[in-house]
Amino acid sequence: MAGADLRGAAKESARWDWELMPLEGVGPLCFGMCITEVTAALPGMIELRRFQASPYSETVGVEFGIGPAEPAVYAYFIDGQLFCVAVDAARGPQVTLWGRELTACPPADFEDFLLHAHRCEVVQVSYGPRANPGVNELGLVVRVQEVAGGLVTRPVMVGRAWAARCTDDWEGCIPECEWVGRMWPLPGESTVWPPPGHTTQWGDWLPPF
């Protein structure tokens, strides 16, 4: 029942239903778009800010929201091209794949779905060094986010040219800021990255959220 309540709350707050087209795009967004094209494809949202998304690269992150201080979608650009999209679990669109909801699901339920698909040889599930599950062949990583009702899923998606090893949070292309914060729940493990007392090698860079 708690899982159903979380999904229901997410549906009420989400204003869009987006379908993931693996490696090609999600909703109205196609990987390879420039910032101007992405902005035009999101007429119901406003650009809230731009930021450096990784400490070691010039990856640009653009936060789009449904209102001030109400983020819904994060778009990431390399060399001016959209290569990664992440959806806010509280206010973002409900992303679906093969009819399965990806946004704001209970982590355990979603992991069961992935592992069932893995056992049926539909997808090959991978886990990154920080235990986040995903599928390189789909350009999909699933993170978690704290919302009012608890911990729920937050899909992170990349295009074909960037999908190789995307689930590897050390070597893949997904920006560092998307790995920071709440961790995929594992018994006995730290609940956040970086864990308390950990010294990063980020220099002057600070995670934007």
N, C-alpha and C. Protein backbone atom coordinates (compact mmCIF):
# COMPACT_ATOMS: atom_id res chain seq x y z
N MET A 1 0.83 -1.21 0.00
CA MET A 1 0.00 0.00 0.00
C MET A 1 0.86 1.26 0.00
N ALA A 2 1.98 1.25 0.76
CA ALA A 2 2.85 2.44 0.79
C ALA A 2 3.40 2.75 -0.57
N GLY A 3 3.79 1.68 -1.34
CA GLY A 3 4.31 1.91 -2.68
C GLY A 3 3.27 2.55 -3.58
N ALA A 4 2.02 2.08 -3.48
CA ALA A 4 0.95 2.66 -4.28
C ALA A 4 0.73 4.12 -3.91
N ASP A 5 0.82 4.45 -2.62
CA ASP A 5 0.64 5.84 -2.19
C ASP A 5 1.72 6.73 -2.78
N LEU A 6 2.96 6.24 -2.79
CA LEU A 6 4.06 7.04 -3.35
C LEU A 6 3.84 7.28 -4.83
N ARG A 7 3.47 6.24 -5.56
CA ARG A 7 3.25 6.41 -7.00
C ARG A 7 2.08 7.35 -7.26
N GLY A 8 1.03 7.25 -6.44
CA GLY A 8 -0.11 8.13 -6.63
C GLY A 8 0.25 9.58 -6.41
N ALA A 9 1.04 9.85 -5.36
CA ALA A 9 1.46 11.22 -5.09
C ALA A 9 2.30 11.76 -6.23
N ALA A 10 3.17 10.92 -6.78
CA ALA A 10 4.02 11.36 -7.88
C ALA A 10 3.17 11.69 -9.10
N LYS A 11 2.15 10.87 -9.38
CA LYS A 11 1.31 11.12 -10.54
C LYS A 11 0.57 12.45 -10.41
N GLU A 12 0.12 12.77 -9.20
CA GLU A 12 -0.60 14.02 -9.00
C GLU A 12 0.30 15.22 -9.29
N SER A 13 1.60 15.12 -8.93
CA SER A 13 2.48 16.26 -9.08
C SER A 13 3.07 16.34 -10.48
N ALA A 14 3.13 15.22 -11.22
CA ALA A 14 3.72 15.22 -12.55
C ALA A 14 2.70 15.74 -13.56
N ARG A 15 3.15 16.63 -14.45
CA ARG A 15 2.25 17.22 -15.42
C ARG A 15 2.39 16.60 -16.80
N TRP A 16 3.36 15.71 -16.94
CA TRP A 16 3.61 15.10 -18.24
C TRP A 16 3.80 13.60 -18.10
N ASP A 17 3.46 12.89 -19.17
CA ASP A 17 3.78 11.47 -19.28
C ASP A 17 4.75 11.34 -20.45
N TRP A 18 5.94 10.87 -20.15
CA TRP A 18 6.98 10.73 -21.16
C TRP A 18 7.31 9.26 -21.36
N GLU A 19 7.57 8.89 -22.61
CA GLU A 19 8.03 7.54 -22.92
C GLU A 19 9.53 7.59 -23.20
N LEU A 20 10.24 6.63 -22.63
CA LEU A 20 11.66 6.49 -22.92
C LEU A 20 11.84 5.73 -24.22
N MET A 21 12.54 6.32 -25.16
CA MET A 21 12.94 5.65 -26.39
C MET A 21 14.43 5.36 -26.23
N PRO A 22 14.78 4.18 -25.75
CA PRO A 22 16.16 3.91 -25.34
C PRO A 22 17.19 4.34 -26.37
N LEU A 23 18.17 5.11 -25.85
CA LEU A 23 19.33 5.58 -26.62
C LEU A 23 19.00 6.71 -27.60
N GLU A 24 17.70 6.97 -27.80
CA GLU A 24 17.29 8.00 -28.77
C GLU A 24 16.78 9.27 -28.10
N GLY A 25 15.97 9.11 -27.06
CA GLY A 25 15.41 10.27 -26.40
C GLY A 25 14.39 9.87 -25.37
N VAL A 26 13.80 10.89 -24.75
CA VAL A 26 12.75 10.66 -23.76
C VAL A 26 11.74 11.79 -23.88
N GLY A 27 10.46 11.44 -23.98
CA GLY A 27 9.44 12.46 -24.16
C GLY A 27 9.74 13.28 -25.41
N PRO A 28 9.68 14.62 -25.29
CA PRO A 28 9.95 15.48 -26.45
C PRO A 28 11.44 15.73 -26.70
N LEU A 29 12.31 15.17 -25.87
CA LEU A 29 13.74 15.44 -25.96
C LEU A 29 14.46 14.34 -26.72
N CYS A 30 15.29 14.74 -27.67
CA CYS A 30 16.12 13.80 -28.43
C CYS A 30 17.58 14.07 -28.10
N PHE A 31 18.32 13.02 -27.81
CA PHE A 31 19.74 13.18 -27.53
C PHE A 31 20.44 13.76 -28.76
N GLY A 32 21.34 14.71 -28.51
CA GLY A 32 22.00 15.44 -29.58
C GLY A 32 21.46 16.83 -29.79
N MET A 33 20.28 17.14 -29.19
CA MET A 33 19.73 18.49 -29.29
C MET A 33 20.67 19.52 -28.66
N CYS A 34 20.57 20.76 -29.12
CA CYS A 34 21.28 21.85 -28.46
C CYS A 34 20.39 22.45 -27.37
N ILE A 35 20.94 23.34 -26.57
CA ILE A 35 20.19 23.91 -25.44
C ILE A 35 18.94 24.64 -25.94
N THR A 36 19.07 25.38 -27.02
CA THR A 36 17.92 26.12 -27.55
C THR A 36 16.80 25.18 -27.96
N GLU A 37 17.14 24.06 -28.58
CA GLU A 37 16.13 23.09 -28.99
C GLU A 37 15.47 22.43 -27.79
N VAL A 38 16.24 22.13 -26.76
CA VAL A 38 15.67 21.54 -25.56
C VAL A 38 14.69 22.51 -24.90
N THR A 39 15.10 23.77 -24.79
CA THR A 39 14.22 24.78 -24.19
C THR A 39 12.91 24.89 -24.96
N ALA A 40 13.00 24.87 -26.28
CA ALA A 40 11.79 24.97 -27.11
C ALA A 40 10.90 23.75 -26.96
N ALA A 41 11.50 22.60 -26.66
CA ALA A 41 10.73 21.36 -26.53
C ALA A 41 10.04 21.24 -25.18
N LEU A 42 10.34 22.17 -24.26
CA LEU A 42 9.76 22.14 -22.92
C LEU A 42 8.97 23.43 -22.65
N PRO A 43 7.92 23.70 -23.43
CA PRO A 43 7.20 24.96 -23.28
C PRO A 43 6.49 25.12 -21.95
N GLY A 44 6.22 24.02 -21.27
CA GLY A 44 5.55 24.11 -19.97
C GLY A 44 6.50 24.30 -18.81
N MET A 45 7.81 24.42 -19.10
CA MET A 45 8.80 24.57 -18.04
C MET A 45 9.62 25.84 -18.27
N ILE A 46 10.28 26.28 -17.22
CA ILE A 46 11.16 27.43 -17.31
C ILE A 46 12.57 27.01 -16.92
N GLU A 47 13.56 27.66 -17.50
CA GLU A 47 14.94 27.39 -17.12
C GLU A 47 15.23 28.06 -15.78
N LEU A 48 15.65 27.27 -14.82
CA LEU A 48 15.90 27.79 -13.48
C LEU A 48 17.36 28.21 -13.30
N ARG A 49 18.30 27.45 -13.86
CA ARG A 49 19.72 27.80 -13.71
C ARG A 49 20.57 26.89 -14.59
N ARG A 50 21.82 27.31 -14.77
CA ARG A 50 22.84 26.49 -15.43
C ARG A 50 24.00 26.31 -14.46
N PHE A 51 24.68 25.16 -14.54
CA PHE A 51 25.74 24.88 -13.58
C PHE A 51 26.74 23.91 -14.18
N GLN A 52 27.92 23.86 -13.59
CA GLN A 52 28.93 22.88 -13.96
C GLN A 52 28.55 21.56 -13.29
N ALA A 53 28.35 20.52 -14.10
CA ALA A 53 27.78 19.28 -13.58
C ALA A 53 28.81 18.28 -13.08
N SER A 54 30.09 18.46 -13.44
CA SER A 54 31.15 17.55 -13.02
C SER A 54 32.40 18.35 -12.67
N PRO A 55 33.20 17.87 -11.75
CA PRO A 55 34.39 18.63 -11.35
C PRO A 55 35.51 18.59 -12.37
N TYR A 56 35.52 17.58 -13.26
CA TYR A 56 36.67 17.39 -14.14
C TYR A 56 36.35 17.66 -15.61
N SER A 57 35.18 18.15 -15.92
CA SER A 57 34.82 18.38 -17.33
C SER A 57 34.00 19.65 -17.44
N GLU A 58 33.76 20.04 -18.68
CA GLU A 58 32.95 21.23 -18.95
C GLU A 58 31.49 20.88 -19.17
N THR A 59 31.05 19.77 -18.63
CA THR A 59 29.66 19.37 -18.77
C THR A 59 28.74 20.43 -18.17
N VAL A 60 27.79 20.89 -18.98
CA VAL A 60 26.85 21.93 -18.54
C VAL A 60 25.53 21.27 -18.15
N GLY A 61 25.06 21.58 -16.97
CA GLY A 61 23.75 21.13 -16.54
C GLY A 61 22.76 22.27 -16.59
N VAL A 62 21.55 21.99 -17.06
CA VAL A 62 20.48 22.99 -17.09
C VAL A 62 19.29 22.42 -16.34
N GLU A 63 18.86 23.16 -15.33
CA GLU A 63 17.73 22.74 -14.50
C GLU A 63 16.47 23.43 -15.01
N PHE A 64 15.47 22.63 -15.39
CA PHE A 64 14.17 23.15 -15.82
C PHE A 64 13.14 22.83 -14.75
N GLY A 65 12.21 23.76 -14.53
CA GLY A 65 11.22 23.57 -13.50
C GLY A 65 9.84 23.99 -13.91
N ILE A 66 8.87 23.62 -13.09
CA ILE A 66 7.48 24.00 -13.33
C ILE A 66 7.16 25.32 -12.65
N GLY A 67 8.13 25.85 -11.92
CA GLY A 67 8.01 27.14 -11.26
C GLY A 67 9.29 27.40 -10.50
N PRO A 68 9.47 28.61 -9.98
CA PRO A 68 10.67 28.90 -9.20
C PRO A 68 10.85 27.91 -8.05
N ALA A 69 12.08 27.40 -7.91
CA ALA A 69 12.41 26.44 -6.85
C ALA A 69 11.60 25.16 -6.95
N GLU A 70 11.13 24.81 -8.16
CA GLU A 70 10.37 23.58 -8.37
C GLU A 70 10.98 22.81 -9.54
N PRO A 71 12.18 22.23 -9.36
CA PRO A 71 12.85 21.53 -10.47
C PRO A 71 12.07 20.30 -10.91
N ALA A 72 12.10 20.05 -12.22
CA ALA A 72 11.40 18.89 -12.77
C ALA A 72 12.30 18.04 -13.66
N VAL A 73 13.18 18.68 -14.43
CA VAL A 73 14.03 17.97 -15.38
C VAL A 73 15.42 18.57 -15.37
N TYR A 74 16.44 17.71 -15.41
CA TYR A 74 17.83 18.15 -15.54
C TYR A 74 18.36 17.66 -16.88
N ALA A 75 18.85 18.59 -17.69
CA ALA A 75 19.41 18.26 -19.00
C ALA A 75 20.91 18.55 -18.98
N TYR A 76 21.70 17.63 -19.52
CA TYR A 76 23.15 17.76 -19.48
C TYR A 76 23.71 17.77 -20.90
N PHE A 77 24.70 18.65 -21.10
CA PHE A 77 25.24 18.89 -22.43
C PHE A 77 26.76 18.76 -22.44
N ILE A 78 27.27 18.08 -23.48
CA ILE A 78 28.70 18.03 -23.77
C ILE A 78 28.89 18.59 -25.16
N ASP A 79 29.80 19.55 -25.28
CA ASP A 79 30.04 20.20 -26.59
C ASP A 79 28.74 20.70 -27.21
N GLY A 80 27.85 21.19 -26.36
CA GLY A 80 26.60 21.76 -26.84
C GLY A 80 25.53 20.75 -27.19
N GLN A 81 25.78 19.45 -26.99
CA GLN A 81 24.82 18.41 -27.33
C GLN A 81 24.20 17.80 -26.09
N LEU A 82 22.88 17.60 -26.13
CA LEU A 82 22.20 16.91 -25.04
C LEU A 82 22.63 15.44 -25.04
N PHE A 83 23.19 14.98 -23.91
CA PHE A 83 23.61 13.57 -23.84
C PHE A 83 22.99 12.84 -22.66
N CYS A 84 22.41 13.57 -21.71
CA CYS A 84 21.89 12.94 -20.50
C CYS A 84 20.70 13.73 -19.99
N VAL A 85 19.68 13.01 -19.53
CA VAL A 85 18.48 13.62 -18.95
C VAL A 85 18.15 12.89 -17.66
N ALA A 86 17.89 13.65 -16.60
CA ALA A 86 17.45 13.08 -15.33
C ALA A 86 16.12 13.73 -14.95
N VAL A 87 15.24 12.94 -14.37
CA VAL A 87 13.90 13.41 -14.02
C VAL A 87 13.76 13.49 -12.51
N ASP A 88 13.29 14.62 -12.03
CA ASP A 88 13.05 14.80 -10.61
C ASP A 88 11.90 13.91 -10.17
N ALA A 89 12.11 13.17 -9.08
CA ALA A 89 11.10 12.22 -8.64
C ALA A 89 9.86 12.89 -8.08
N ALA A 90 9.99 14.10 -7.54
CA ALA A 90 8.85 14.77 -6.91
C ALA A 90 7.99 15.52 -7.91
N ARG A 91 8.60 16.17 -8.88
CA ARG A 91 7.85 17.07 -9.77
C ARG A 91 8.01 16.75 -11.25
N GLY A 92 8.90 15.83 -11.59
CA GLY A 92 9.19 15.56 -12.99
C GLY A 92 8.15 14.70 -13.68
N PRO A 93 8.29 14.55 -14.99
CA PRO A 93 7.37 13.70 -15.75
C PRO A 93 7.43 12.25 -15.30
N GLN A 94 6.33 11.55 -15.54
CA GLN A 94 6.32 10.10 -15.31
C GLN A 94 6.88 9.44 -16.58
N VAL A 95 8.08 8.90 -16.46
CA VAL A 95 8.73 8.24 -17.59
C VAL A 95 8.34 6.78 -17.58
N THR A 96 7.98 6.25 -18.75
CA THR A 96 7.63 4.84 -18.86
C THR A 96 8.52 4.15 -19.88
N LEU A 97 8.75 2.87 -19.66
CA LEU A 97 9.49 2.01 -20.58
C LEU A 97 8.73 0.70 -20.67
N TRP A 98 8.31 0.33 -21.89
CA TRP A 98 7.53 -0.91 -22.09
C TRP A 98 6.30 -0.93 -21.18
N GLY A 99 5.73 0.24 -20.94
CA GLY A 99 4.55 0.34 -20.10
C GLY A 99 4.83 0.34 -18.61
N ARG A 100 6.10 0.25 -18.22
CA ARG A 100 6.48 0.23 -16.80
C ARG A 100 6.92 1.62 -16.37
N GLU A 101 6.34 2.12 -15.28
CA GLU A 101 6.72 3.43 -14.76
C GLU A 101 8.12 3.38 -14.17
N LEU A 102 8.91 4.41 -14.47
CA LEU A 102 10.28 4.50 -13.96
C LEU A 102 10.44 5.56 -12.88
N THR A 103 9.56 6.53 -12.85
CA THR A 103 9.69 7.67 -11.94
C THR A 103 8.92 7.43 -10.65
N ALA A 104 9.56 7.74 -9.52
CA ALA A 104 8.90 7.73 -8.21
C ALA A 104 8.33 6.38 -7.82
N CYS A 105 9.07 5.32 -8.10
CA CYS A 105 8.67 3.97 -7.69
C CYS A 105 9.43 3.57 -6.43
N PRO A 106 8.88 2.70 -5.61
CA PRO A 106 9.65 2.15 -4.49
C PRO A 106 10.87 1.41 -5.03
N PRO A 107 12.06 1.69 -4.51
CA PRO A 107 13.28 1.06 -5.06
C PRO A 107 13.23 -0.46 -5.12
N ALA A 108 12.71 -1.10 -4.07
CA ALA A 108 12.68 -2.56 -4.05
C ALA A 108 11.79 -3.11 -5.17
N ASP A 109 10.63 -2.46 -5.41
CA ASP A 109 9.74 -2.90 -6.48
C ASP A 109 10.41 -2.77 -7.83
N PHE A 110 11.09 -1.65 -8.03
CA PHE A 110 11.70 -1.43 -9.33
C PHE A 110 12.88 -2.38 -9.55
N GLU A 111 13.63 -2.65 -8.49
CA GLU A 111 14.74 -3.58 -8.62
C GLU A 111 14.22 -4.98 -8.95
N ASP A 112 13.09 -5.38 -8.38
CA ASP A 112 12.48 -6.66 -8.72
C ASP A 112 12.14 -6.72 -10.21
N PHE A 113 11.62 -5.62 -10.75
CA PHE A 113 11.29 -5.55 -12.17
C PHE A 113 12.55 -5.73 -13.03
N LEU A 114 13.61 -5.01 -12.67
CA LEU A 114 14.85 -5.12 -13.43
C LEU A 114 15.42 -6.53 -13.37
N LEU A 115 15.45 -7.11 -12.18
CA LEU A 115 16.03 -8.44 -12.03
C LEU A 115 15.19 -9.51 -12.72
N HIS A 116 13.87 -9.32 -12.75
CA HIS A 116 13.02 -10.25 -13.49
C HIS A 116 13.35 -10.18 -14.99
N ALA A 117 13.49 -8.96 -15.50
CA ALA A 117 13.86 -8.80 -16.92
C ALA A 117 15.24 -9.38 -17.19
N HIS A 118 16.14 -9.27 -16.22
CA HIS A 118 17.48 -9.83 -16.34
C HIS A 118 17.41 -11.36 -16.41
N ARG A 119 16.64 -11.96 -15.52
CA ARG A 119 16.53 -13.42 -15.50
C ARG A 119 15.88 -13.95 -16.78
N CYS A 120 14.98 -13.15 -17.35
CA CYS A 120 14.32 -13.55 -18.59
C CYS A 120 15.16 -13.21 -19.82
N GLU A 121 16.37 -12.72 -19.61
CA GLU A 121 17.31 -12.37 -20.67
C GLU A 121 16.77 -11.28 -21.59
N VAL A 122 15.95 -10.38 -21.02
CA VAL A 122 15.47 -9.22 -21.77
C VAL A 122 16.51 -8.11 -21.72
N VAL A 123 17.12 -7.92 -20.56
CA VAL A 123 18.16 -6.91 -20.37
C VAL A 123 19.28 -7.51 -19.53
N GLN A 124 20.42 -6.84 -19.56
CA GLN A 124 21.56 -7.23 -18.74
C GLN A 124 21.75 -6.15 -17.68
N VAL A 125 21.35 -6.43 -16.45
CA VAL A 125 21.43 -5.44 -15.38
C VAL A 125 22.86 -5.34 -14.86
N SER A 126 23.32 -4.11 -14.65
CA SER A 126 24.64 -3.86 -14.09
C SER A 126 24.49 -3.02 -12.83
N TYR A 127 25.46 -3.15 -11.94
CA TYR A 127 25.50 -2.30 -10.75
C TYR A 127 26.83 -1.56 -10.74
N GLY A 128 26.77 -0.24 -10.56
CA GLY A 128 27.99 0.55 -10.49
C GLY A 128 28.68 0.40 -9.15
N PRO A 129 29.87 0.97 -9.01
CA PRO A 129 30.61 0.87 -7.75
C PRO A 129 29.83 1.39 -6.54
N ARG A 130 28.91 2.32 -6.75
CA ARG A 130 28.11 2.84 -5.64
C ARG A 130 26.73 2.19 -5.58
N ALA A 131 26.61 1.01 -6.24
CA ALA A 131 25.46 0.11 -6.10
C ALA A 131 24.19 0.55 -6.82
N ASN A 132 24.28 1.54 -7.72
CA ASN A 132 23.09 1.95 -8.46
C ASN A 132 22.86 1.02 -9.65
N PRO A 133 21.64 0.48 -9.80
CA PRO A 133 21.38 -0.45 -10.90
C PRO A 133 21.08 0.28 -12.20
N GLY A 134 21.31 -0.41 -13.31
CA GLY A 134 20.99 0.16 -14.60
C GLY A 134 21.24 -0.84 -15.70
N VAL A 135 21.02 -0.39 -16.93
CA VAL A 135 21.17 -1.24 -18.11
C VAL A 135 21.92 -0.42 -19.16
N ASN A 136 23.16 -0.81 -19.43
CA ASN A 136 23.95 -0.08 -20.41
C ASN A 136 23.30 -0.09 -21.79
N GLU A 137 22.70 -1.23 -22.16
CA GLU A 137 22.10 -1.35 -23.49
C GLU A 137 20.92 -0.41 -23.69
N LEU A 138 20.33 0.04 -22.62
CA LEU A 138 19.21 0.99 -22.69
C LEU A 138 19.64 2.42 -22.40
N GLY A 139 20.90 2.60 -21.97
CA GLY A 139 21.33 3.93 -21.55
C GLY A 139 20.56 4.42 -20.34
N LEU A 140 20.28 3.51 -19.40
CA LEU A 140 19.43 3.83 -18.25
C LEU A 140 20.12 3.47 -16.95
N VAL A 141 20.12 4.43 -16.03
CA VAL A 141 20.56 4.20 -14.65
C VAL A 141 19.42 4.66 -13.74
N VAL A 142 19.21 3.95 -12.65
CA VAL A 142 18.14 4.32 -11.72
C VAL A 142 18.77 4.74 -10.40
N ARG A 143 18.52 5.97 -10.02
CA ARG A 143 18.98 6.51 -8.75
C ARG A 143 17.78 6.60 -7.80
N VAL A 144 18.03 7.06 -6.60
CA VAL A 144 16.94 7.27 -5.65
C VAL A 144 16.95 8.72 -5.17
N GLN A 145 15.79 9.16 -4.74
CA GLN A 145 15.62 10.54 -4.28
C GLN A 145 14.64 10.54 -3.12
N GLU A 146 14.91 11.39 -2.14
CA GLU A 146 14.01 11.53 -0.98
C GLU A 146 12.89 12.49 -1.34
N VAL A 147 11.64 12.04 -1.19
CA VAL A 147 10.48 12.89 -1.38
C VAL A 147 9.66 12.85 -0.10
N ALA A 148 8.54 13.58 -0.09
CA ALA A 148 7.75 13.68 1.14
C ALA A 148 7.31 12.32 1.65
N GLY A 149 7.03 11.38 0.74
CA GLY A 149 6.54 10.09 1.17
C GLY A 149 7.60 9.05 1.44
N GLY A 150 8.87 9.38 1.16
CA GLY A 150 9.93 8.40 1.38
C GLY A 150 10.92 8.39 0.23
N LEU A 151 11.64 7.28 0.08
CA LEU A 151 12.68 7.13 -0.92
C LEU A 151 12.09 6.49 -2.17
N VAL A 152 12.27 7.15 -3.33
CA VAL A 152 11.70 6.65 -4.59
C VAL A 152 12.72 6.79 -5.72
N THR A 153 12.39 6.22 -6.87
CA THR A 153 13.32 6.16 -7.99
C THR A 153 13.35 7.44 -8.82
N ARG A 154 14.53 7.67 -9.39
CA ARG A 154 14.79 8.84 -10.24
C ARG A 154 15.55 8.33 -11.47
N PRO A 155 14.92 8.25 -12.65
CA PRO A 155 15.61 7.72 -13.82
C PRO A 155 16.61 8.72 -14.40
N VAL A 156 17.75 8.20 -14.80
CA VAL A 156 18.79 8.98 -15.48
C VAL A 156 19.07 8.27 -16.80
N MET A 157 19.00 8.99 -17.92
CA MET A 157 19.05 8.37 -19.24
C MET A 157 20.08 9.05 -20.12
N VAL A 158 20.79 8.28 -20.94
CA VAL A 158 21.79 8.83 -21.85
C VAL A 158 21.55 8.32 -23.26
N GLY A 159 22.16 9.02 -24.23
CA GLY A 159 22.03 8.66 -25.64
C GLY A 159 22.99 7.56 -26.06
N ARG A 160 22.82 7.11 -27.28
CA ARG A 160 23.56 5.96 -27.79
C ARG A 160 25.07 6.15 -27.73
N ALA A 161 25.54 7.33 -28.11
CA ALA A 161 26.98 7.57 -28.15
C ALA A 161 27.62 7.59 -26.77
N TRP A 162 26.80 7.68 -25.74
CA TRP A 162 27.32 7.80 -24.37
C TRP A 162 26.89 6.63 -23.47
N ALA A 163 26.29 5.60 -24.05
CA ALA A 163 25.70 4.53 -23.25
C ALA A 163 26.71 3.50 -22.74
N ALA A 164 27.82 3.33 -23.42
CA ALA A 164 28.78 2.31 -23.01
C ALA A 164 29.25 2.59 -21.58
N ARG A 165 29.07 1.62 -20.70
CA ARG A 165 29.49 1.69 -19.31
C ARG A 165 28.82 2.83 -18.55
N CYS A 166 27.62 3.23 -18.98
CA CYS A 166 26.96 4.35 -18.30
C CYS A 166 26.61 4.02 -16.86
N THR A 167 26.46 2.73 -16.53
CA THR A 167 26.15 2.37 -15.16
C THR A 167 27.37 2.44 -14.24
N ASP A 168 28.55 2.59 -14.82
CA ASP A 168 29.78 2.68 -14.03
C ASP A 168 29.95 4.12 -13.57
N ASP A 169 29.71 4.37 -12.29
CA ASP A 169 29.74 5.76 -11.81
C ASP A 169 31.14 6.31 -11.69
N TRP A 170 32.17 5.50 -11.88
CA TRP A 170 33.53 6.03 -11.91
C TRP A 170 33.98 6.33 -13.34
N GLU A 171 33.61 5.47 -14.29
CA GLU A 171 34.16 5.58 -15.64
C GLU A 171 33.14 5.97 -16.69
N GLY A 172 31.86 5.93 -16.37
CA GLY A 172 30.83 6.27 -17.35
C GLY A 172 30.70 7.78 -17.54
N CYS A 173 29.78 8.15 -18.42
CA CYS A 173 29.67 9.56 -18.80
C CYS A 173 28.68 10.36 -17.96
N ILE A 174 27.86 9.71 -17.14
CA ILE A 174 26.86 10.45 -16.36
C ILE A 174 27.56 11.42 -15.41
N PRO A 175 27.12 12.67 -15.36
CA PRO A 175 27.81 13.69 -14.55
C PRO A 175 27.89 13.33 -13.07
N GLU A 176 28.98 13.77 -12.44
CA GLU A 176 29.21 13.46 -11.03
C GLU A 176 28.06 13.92 -10.15
N CYS A 177 27.44 15.05 -10.48
CA CYS A 177 26.37 15.57 -9.61
C CYS A 177 25.20 14.61 -9.52
N GLU A 178 25.01 13.76 -10.53
CA GLU A 178 23.90 12.81 -10.49
C GLU A 178 24.18 11.61 -9.59
N TRP A 179 25.43 11.42 -9.18
CA TRP A 179 25.76 10.32 -8.28
C TRP A 179 25.79 10.77 -6.81
N VAL A 180 25.78 12.06 -6.58
CA VAL A 180 25.88 12.60 -5.22
C VAL A 180 24.52 12.52 -4.53
N GLY A 181 24.55 12.31 -3.22
CA GLY A 181 23.30 12.32 -2.46
C GLY A 181 22.88 10.94 -2.01
N ARG A 182 21.58 10.69 -1.99
CA ARG A 182 21.06 9.43 -1.47
C ARG A 182 21.51 8.26 -2.33
N MET A 183 21.86 7.17 -1.66
CA MET A 183 22.34 5.97 -2.33
C MET A 183 21.23 4.94 -2.46
N TRP A 184 21.41 4.05 -3.42
CA TRP A 184 20.48 2.93 -3.54
C TRP A 184 20.51 2.16 -2.21
N PRO A 185 19.35 1.89 -1.61
CA PRO A 185 19.34 1.30 -0.25
C PRO A 185 19.93 -0.10 -0.21
N LEU A 186 20.97 -0.25 0.60
CA LEU A 186 21.60 -1.55 0.84
C LEU A 186 21.80 -1.71 2.35
N PRO A 187 21.42 -2.84 2.91
CA PRO A 187 21.58 -3.04 4.36
C PRO A 187 23.04 -2.90 4.78
N GLY A 188 23.25 -2.12 5.82
CA GLY A 188 24.58 -1.98 6.38
C GLY A 188 25.51 -1.04 5.65
N GLU A 189 25.05 -0.45 4.54
CA GLU A 189 25.89 0.46 3.76
C GLU A 189 25.52 1.91 4.06
N SER A 190 26.43 2.82 3.69
CA SER A 190 26.15 4.24 3.86
C SER A 190 24.92 4.64 3.05
N THR A 191 24.15 5.58 3.58
CA THR A 191 22.93 6.00 2.89
C THR A 191 23.17 7.17 1.95
N VAL A 192 24.37 7.78 2.00
CA VAL A 192 24.65 8.94 1.16
C VAL A 192 26.06 8.82 0.56
N TRP A 193 26.24 9.49 -0.57
CA TRP A 193 27.56 9.66 -1.16
C TRP A 193 27.83 11.17 -1.29
N PRO A 194 28.99 11.65 -0.87
CA PRO A 194 30.06 10.96 -0.15
C PRO A 194 29.63 10.62 1.27
N PRO A 195 30.12 9.51 1.81
CA PRO A 195 29.78 9.16 3.19
C PRO A 195 30.44 10.11 4.17
N PRO A 196 29.93 10.22 5.38
CA PRO A 196 30.52 11.12 6.38
C PRO A 196 32.01 10.83 6.58
N GLY A 197 32.81 11.90 6.59
CA GLY A 197 34.24 11.77 6.80
C GLY A 197 35.04 11.50 5.55
N HIS A 198 34.37 11.27 4.40
CA HIS A 198 35.09 10.98 3.16
C HIS A 198 35.65 12.27 2.55
N THR A 199 36.90 12.23 2.14
CA THR A 199 37.52 13.38 1.49
C THR A 199 37.49 13.18 -0.02
N THR A 200 36.84 14.07 -0.73
CA THR A 200 36.76 13.96 -2.19
C THR A 200 37.97 14.63 -2.82
N GLN A 201 38.14 14.40 -4.12
CA GLN A 201 39.21 15.03 -4.89
C GLN A 201 38.63 16.02 -5.89
N TRP A 202 37.58 16.72 -5.49
CA TRP A 202 36.85 17.59 -6.39
C TRP A 202 37.46 18.98 -6.53
N GLY A 203 38.44 19.32 -5.74
CA GLY A 203 38.97 20.67 -5.80
C GLY A 203 37.96 21.69 -5.31
N ASP A 204 37.78 22.76 -6.11
CA ASP A 204 36.85 23.83 -5.72
C ASP A 204 35.41 23.53 -6.12
N TRP A 205 35.20 22.47 -6.87
CA TRP A 205 33.83 22.17 -7.35
C TRP A 205 32.96 21.69 -6.21
N LEU A 206 31.71 22.17 -6.21
CA LEU A 206 30.73 21.74 -5.21
C LEU A 206 29.51 21.19 -5.94
N PRO A 207 28.93 20.08 -5.49
CA PRO A 207 27.73 19.56 -6.12
C PRO A 207 26.62 20.61 -6.10
N PRO A 208 25.90 20.76 -7.20
CA PRO A 208 24.88 21.82 -7.27
C PRO A 208 23.61 21.51 -6.50
N PHE A 209 23.44 20.23 -6.09
CA PHE A 209 22.24 19.88 -5.31
C PHE A 209 22.52 18.59 -4.57
